[in-house]
Amino acid sequence: MSVSRWIGLVPHLIVCVIYIPLHNYCVDVYIDMYGGLTSRGVGIGMTPDLMVQYFVLMNAITFFISKLKLKLVFVAFMLSLILYYFLPHYPVRAMAYTLMGGILTFAAIFAGQLIDRLFFRK
């Protein structure tokens, strides 16, 4: 792989690092708005850990896909799986995980594209 390709990895690494404190902040906001995570009698168990691992795995796969259109289709598939997992029982969590994962992944993809255009294509 070329140097420009490896430098394109930086945005994906940054969003993976940002995801964890952002997730913790969103959980605090959720608790403030809706009460404790188990206040409705249902525990979420290992779901936050699963979502972090899923997000990191999907960003790694997205990085290795070279075509932009295929990346976007893959991210749409990732987000649809998150919605399928949470809806209809947890609509607030579905929106939160879908938006957080989608926005960060799209930001990493487009930041990588921007870095490539600005510094490596002439």
C-alpha atoms as a PDB file:
ATOM      1  CA  MET A   1       0.000   0.000   0.000  1.00  0.00           C
ATOM      2  CA  SER A   2       1.080   3.513  -0.662  1.00  0.00           C
ATOM      3  CA  VAL A   3       1.898   6.162   1.909  1.00  0.00           C
ATOM      4  CA  SER A   4      -1.227   8.140   1.036  1.00  0.00           C
ATOM      5  CA  ARG A   5      -3.344   5.094   1.781  1.00  0.00           C
ATOM      6  CA  TRP A   6      -1.768   4.646   5.223  1.00  0.00           C
ATOM      7  CA  ILE A   7      -2.186   8.334   6.029  1.00  0.00           C
ATOM      8  CA  GLY A   8      -5.869   7.861   5.177  1.00  0.00           C
ATOM      9  CA  LEU A   9      -5.983   5.501   8.156  1.00  0.00           C
ATOM     10  CA  VAL A  10      -5.477   8.421  10.568  1.00  0.00           C
ATOM     11  CA  PRO A  11      -9.080   9.747  10.391  1.00  0.00           C
ATOM     12  CA  HIS A  12     -10.444   6.250  11.030  1.00  0.00           C
ATOM     13  CA  LEU A  13      -8.196   5.869  14.060  1.00  0.00           C
ATOM     14  CA  ILE A  14      -9.202   9.291  15.354  1.00  0.00           C
ATOM     15  CA  VAL A  15     -12.934   8.562  15.125  1.00  0.00           C
ATOM     16  CA  CYS A  16     -12.442   5.211  16.840  1.00  0.00           C
ATOM     17  CA  VAL A  17     -10.724   7.004  19.712  1.00  0.00           C
ATOM     18  CA  ILE A  18     -13.377   9.751  19.810  1.00  0.00           C
ATOM     19  CA  TYR A  19     -16.200   7.187  19.834  1.00  0.00           C
ATOM     20  CA  ILE A  20     -15.601   6.003  23.416  1.00  0.00           C
ATOM     21  CA  PRO A  21     -15.747   9.367  25.255  1.00  0.00           C
ATOM     22  CA  LEU A  22     -18.585  10.480  22.988  1.00  0.00           C
ATOM     23  CA  HIS A  23     -20.470   7.300  23.856  1.00  0.00           C
ATOM     24  CA  ASN A  24     -19.923   7.897  27.568  1.00  0.00           C
ATOM     25  CA  TYR A  25     -21.160  11.469  27.235  1.00  0.00           C
ATOM     26  CA  CYS A  26     -24.249  10.324  25.331  1.00  0.00           C
ATOM     27  CA  VAL A  27     -24.987   7.729  28.017  1.00  0.00           C
ATOM     28  CA  ASP A  28     -24.870  10.487  30.644  1.00  0.00           C
ATOM     29  CA  VAL A  29     -27.276  12.592  28.575  1.00  0.00           C
ATOM     30  CA  TYR A  30     -29.559   9.557  28.149  1.00  0.00           C
ATOM     31  CA  ILE A  31     -29.576   8.943  31.906  1.00  0.00           C
ATOM     32  CA  ASP A  32     -30.381  12.601  32.574  1.00  0.00           C
ATOM     33  CA  MET A  33     -33.258  12.558  30.085  1.00  0.00           C
ATOM     34  CA  TYR A  34     -34.765   9.091  30.565  1.00  0.00           C
ATOM     35  CA  GLY A  35     -33.489   7.827  33.920  1.00  0.00           C
ATOM     36  CA  GLY A  36     -31.142   4.930  34.498  1.00  0.00           C
ATOM     37  CA  LEU A  37     -30.320   2.483  31.762  1.00  0.00           C
ATOM     38  CA  THR A  38     -32.372  -0.199  33.496  1.00  0.00           C
ATOM     39  CA  SER A  39     -35.195   2.091  34.685  1.00  0.00           C
ATOM     40  CA  ARG A  40     -37.648   0.410  32.328  1.00  0.00           C
ATOM     41  CA  GLY A  41     -36.890  -3.055  33.647  1.00  0.00           C
ATOM     42  CA  VAL A  42     -34.652  -4.099  30.788  1.00  0.00           C
ATOM     43  CA  GLY A  43     -30.878  -4.209  31.082  1.00  0.00           C
ATOM     44  CA  ILE A  44     -28.750  -3.612  28.023  1.00  0.00           C
ATOM     45  CA  GLY A  45     -26.004  -5.958  29.157  1.00  0.00           C
ATOM     46  CA  MET A  46     -22.984  -5.974  26.891  1.00  0.00           C
ATOM     47  CA  THR A  47     -24.584  -3.829  24.190  1.00  0.00           C
ATOM     48  CA  PRO A  48     -22.307  -0.783  24.669  1.00  0.00           C
ATOM     49  CA  ASP A  49     -19.218  -2.990  24.390  1.00  0.00           C
ATOM     50  CA  LEU A  50     -20.694  -4.724  21.358  1.00  0.00           C
ATOM     51  CA  MET A  51     -21.391  -1.390  19.670  1.00  0.00           C
ATOM     52  CA  VAL A  52     -17.838  -0.145  20.287  1.00  0.00           C
ATOM     53  CA  GLN A  53     -16.348  -3.343  18.881  1.00  0.00           C
ATOM     54  CA  TYR A  54     -18.757  -3.288  15.937  1.00  0.00           C
ATOM     55  CA  PHE A  55     -17.881   0.347  15.202  1.00  0.00           C
ATOM     56  CA  VAL A  56     -14.136  -0.322  15.273  1.00  0.00           C
ATOM     57  CA  LEU A  57     -14.488  -3.429  13.089  1.00  0.00           C
ATOM     58  CA  MET A  58     -16.649  -1.649  10.538  1.00  0.00           C
ATOM     59  CA  ASN A  59     -14.248   1.295  10.363  1.00  0.00           C
ATOM     60  CA  ALA A  60     -11.362  -1.098   9.782  1.00  0.00           C
ATOM     61  CA  ILE A  61     -13.244  -2.802   6.971  1.00  0.00           C
ATOM     62  CA  THR A  62     -14.309   0.549   5.541  1.00  0.00           C
ATOM     63  CA  PHE A  63     -10.687   1.687   5.461  1.00  0.00           C
ATOM     64  CA  PHE A  64      -9.646  -1.281   3.345  1.00  0.00           C
ATOM     65  CA  ILE A  65     -12.404  -0.727   0.773  1.00  0.00           C
ATOM     66  CA  SER A  66     -10.926   1.439  -1.949  1.00  0.00           C
ATOM     67  CA  LYS A  67     -13.957   2.730  -3.896  1.00  0.00           C
ATOM     68  CA  LEU A  68     -15.983   5.550  -2.347  1.00  0.00           C
ATOM     69  CA  LYS A  69     -19.368   4.274  -3.550  1.00  0.00           C
ATOM     70  CA  LEU A  70     -18.693   0.842  -2.099  1.00  0.00           C
ATOM     71  CA  LYS A  71     -17.654   2.443   1.200  1.00  0.00           C
ATOM     72  CA  LEU A  72     -20.916   4.371   1.346  1.00  0.00           C
ATOM     73  CA  VAL A  73     -22.947   1.237   0.609  1.00  0.00           C
ATOM     74  CA  PHE A  74     -21.047  -0.618   3.324  1.00  0.00           C
ATOM     75  CA  VAL A  75     -21.673   2.150   5.876  1.00  0.00           C
ATOM     76  CA  ALA A  76     -25.369   2.146   4.951  1.00  0.00           C
ATOM     77  CA  PHE A  77     -25.388  -1.603   5.577  1.00  0.00           C
ATOM     78  CA  MET A  78     -23.676  -1.070   8.941  1.00  0.00           C
ATOM     79  CA  LEU A  79     -26.250   1.526   9.970  1.00  0.00           C
ATOM     80  CA  SER A  80     -29.165  -0.617   8.828  1.00  0.00           C
ATOM     81  CA  LEU A  81     -27.882  -3.482  10.979  1.00  0.00           C
ATOM     82  CA  ILE A  82     -27.755  -1.170  13.993  1.00  0.00           C
ATOM     83  CA  LEU A  83     -31.325  -0.073  13.341  1.00  0.00           C
ATOM     84  CA  TYR A  84     -32.439  -3.678  12.899  1.00  0.00           C
ATOM     85  CA  TYR A  85     -30.804  -4.611  16.207  1.00  0.00           C
ATOM     86  CA  PHE A  86     -32.425  -1.834  18.259  1.00  0.00           C
ATOM     87  CA  LEU A  87     -35.763  -1.117  16.607  1.00  0.00           C
ATOM     88  CA  PRO A  88     -38.620  -1.217  17.607  1.00  0.00           C
ATOM     89  CA  HIS A  89     -37.840  -1.856  21.292  1.00  0.00           C
ATOM     90  CA  TYR A  90     -35.150   0.815  21.842  1.00  0.00           C
ATOM     91  CA  PRO A  91     -35.843   3.737  19.477  1.00  0.00           C
ATOM     92  CA  VAL A  92     -33.750   6.307  21.372  1.00  0.00           C
ATOM     93  CA  ARG A  93     -30.742   4.005  21.462  1.00  0.00           C
ATOM     94  CA  ALA A  94     -31.285   3.163  17.800  1.00  0.00           C
ATOM     95  CA  MET A  95     -31.149   6.833  16.862  1.00  0.00           C
ATOM     96  CA  ALA A  96     -28.150   7.506  19.096  1.00  0.00           C
ATOM     97  CA  TYR A  97     -26.001   4.598  17.912  1.00  0.00           C
ATOM     98  CA  THR A  98     -26.977   5.103  14.274  1.00  0.00           C
ATOM     99  CA  LEU A  99     -26.251   8.825  14.293  1.00  0.00           C
ATOM    100  CA  MET A 100     -23.053   8.517  16.298  1.00  0.00           C
ATOM    101  CA  GLY A 101     -21.697   5.659  14.187  1.00  0.00           C
ATOM    102  CA  GLY A 102     -22.833   7.140  10.906  1.00  0.00           C
ATOM    103  CA  ILE A 103     -21.608  10.666  11.434  1.00  0.00           C
ATOM    104  CA  LEU A 104     -18.212   9.564  12.714  1.00  0.00           C
ATOM    105  CA  THR A 105     -17.697   6.995   9.956  1.00  0.00           C
ATOM    106  CA  PHE A 106     -18.762   9.400   7.210  1.00  0.00           C
ATOM    107  CA  ALA A 107     -16.474  12.043   8.726  1.00  0.00           C
ATOM    108  CA  ALA A 108     -13.546   9.609   8.630  1.00  0.00           C
ATOM    109  CA  ILE A 109     -14.262   8.622   5.041  1.00  0.00           C
ATOM    110  CA  PHE A 110     -14.532  12.177   3.790  1.00  0.00           C
ATOM    111  CA  ALA A 111     -11.561  13.375   5.851  1.00  0.00           C
ATOM    112  CA  GLY A 112      -9.483  10.604   4.291  1.00  0.00           C
ATOM    113  CA  GLN A 113     -10.682  11.635   0.838  1.00  0.00           C
ATOM    114  CA  LEU A 114      -9.854  15.279   1.589  1.00  0.00           C
ATOM    115  CA  ILE A 115      -6.363  14.425   2.851  1.00  0.00           C
ATOM    116  CA  ASP A 116      -5.760  12.394  -0.288  1.00  0.00           C
ATOM    117  CA  ARG A 117      -6.922  15.206  -2.595  1.00  0.00           C
ATOM    118  CA  LEU A 118      -5.050  17.989  -0.838  1.00  0.00           C
ATOM    119  CA  PHE A 119      -1.701  16.325  -0.282  1.00  0.00           C
ATOM    120  CA  PHE A 120      -1.291  13.415  -2.667  1.00  0.00           C
ATOM    121  CA  ARG A 121      -3.144  14.120  -5.906  1.00  0.00           C
ATOM    122  CA  LYS A 122      -1.728  16.691  -8.237  1.00  0.00           C
END
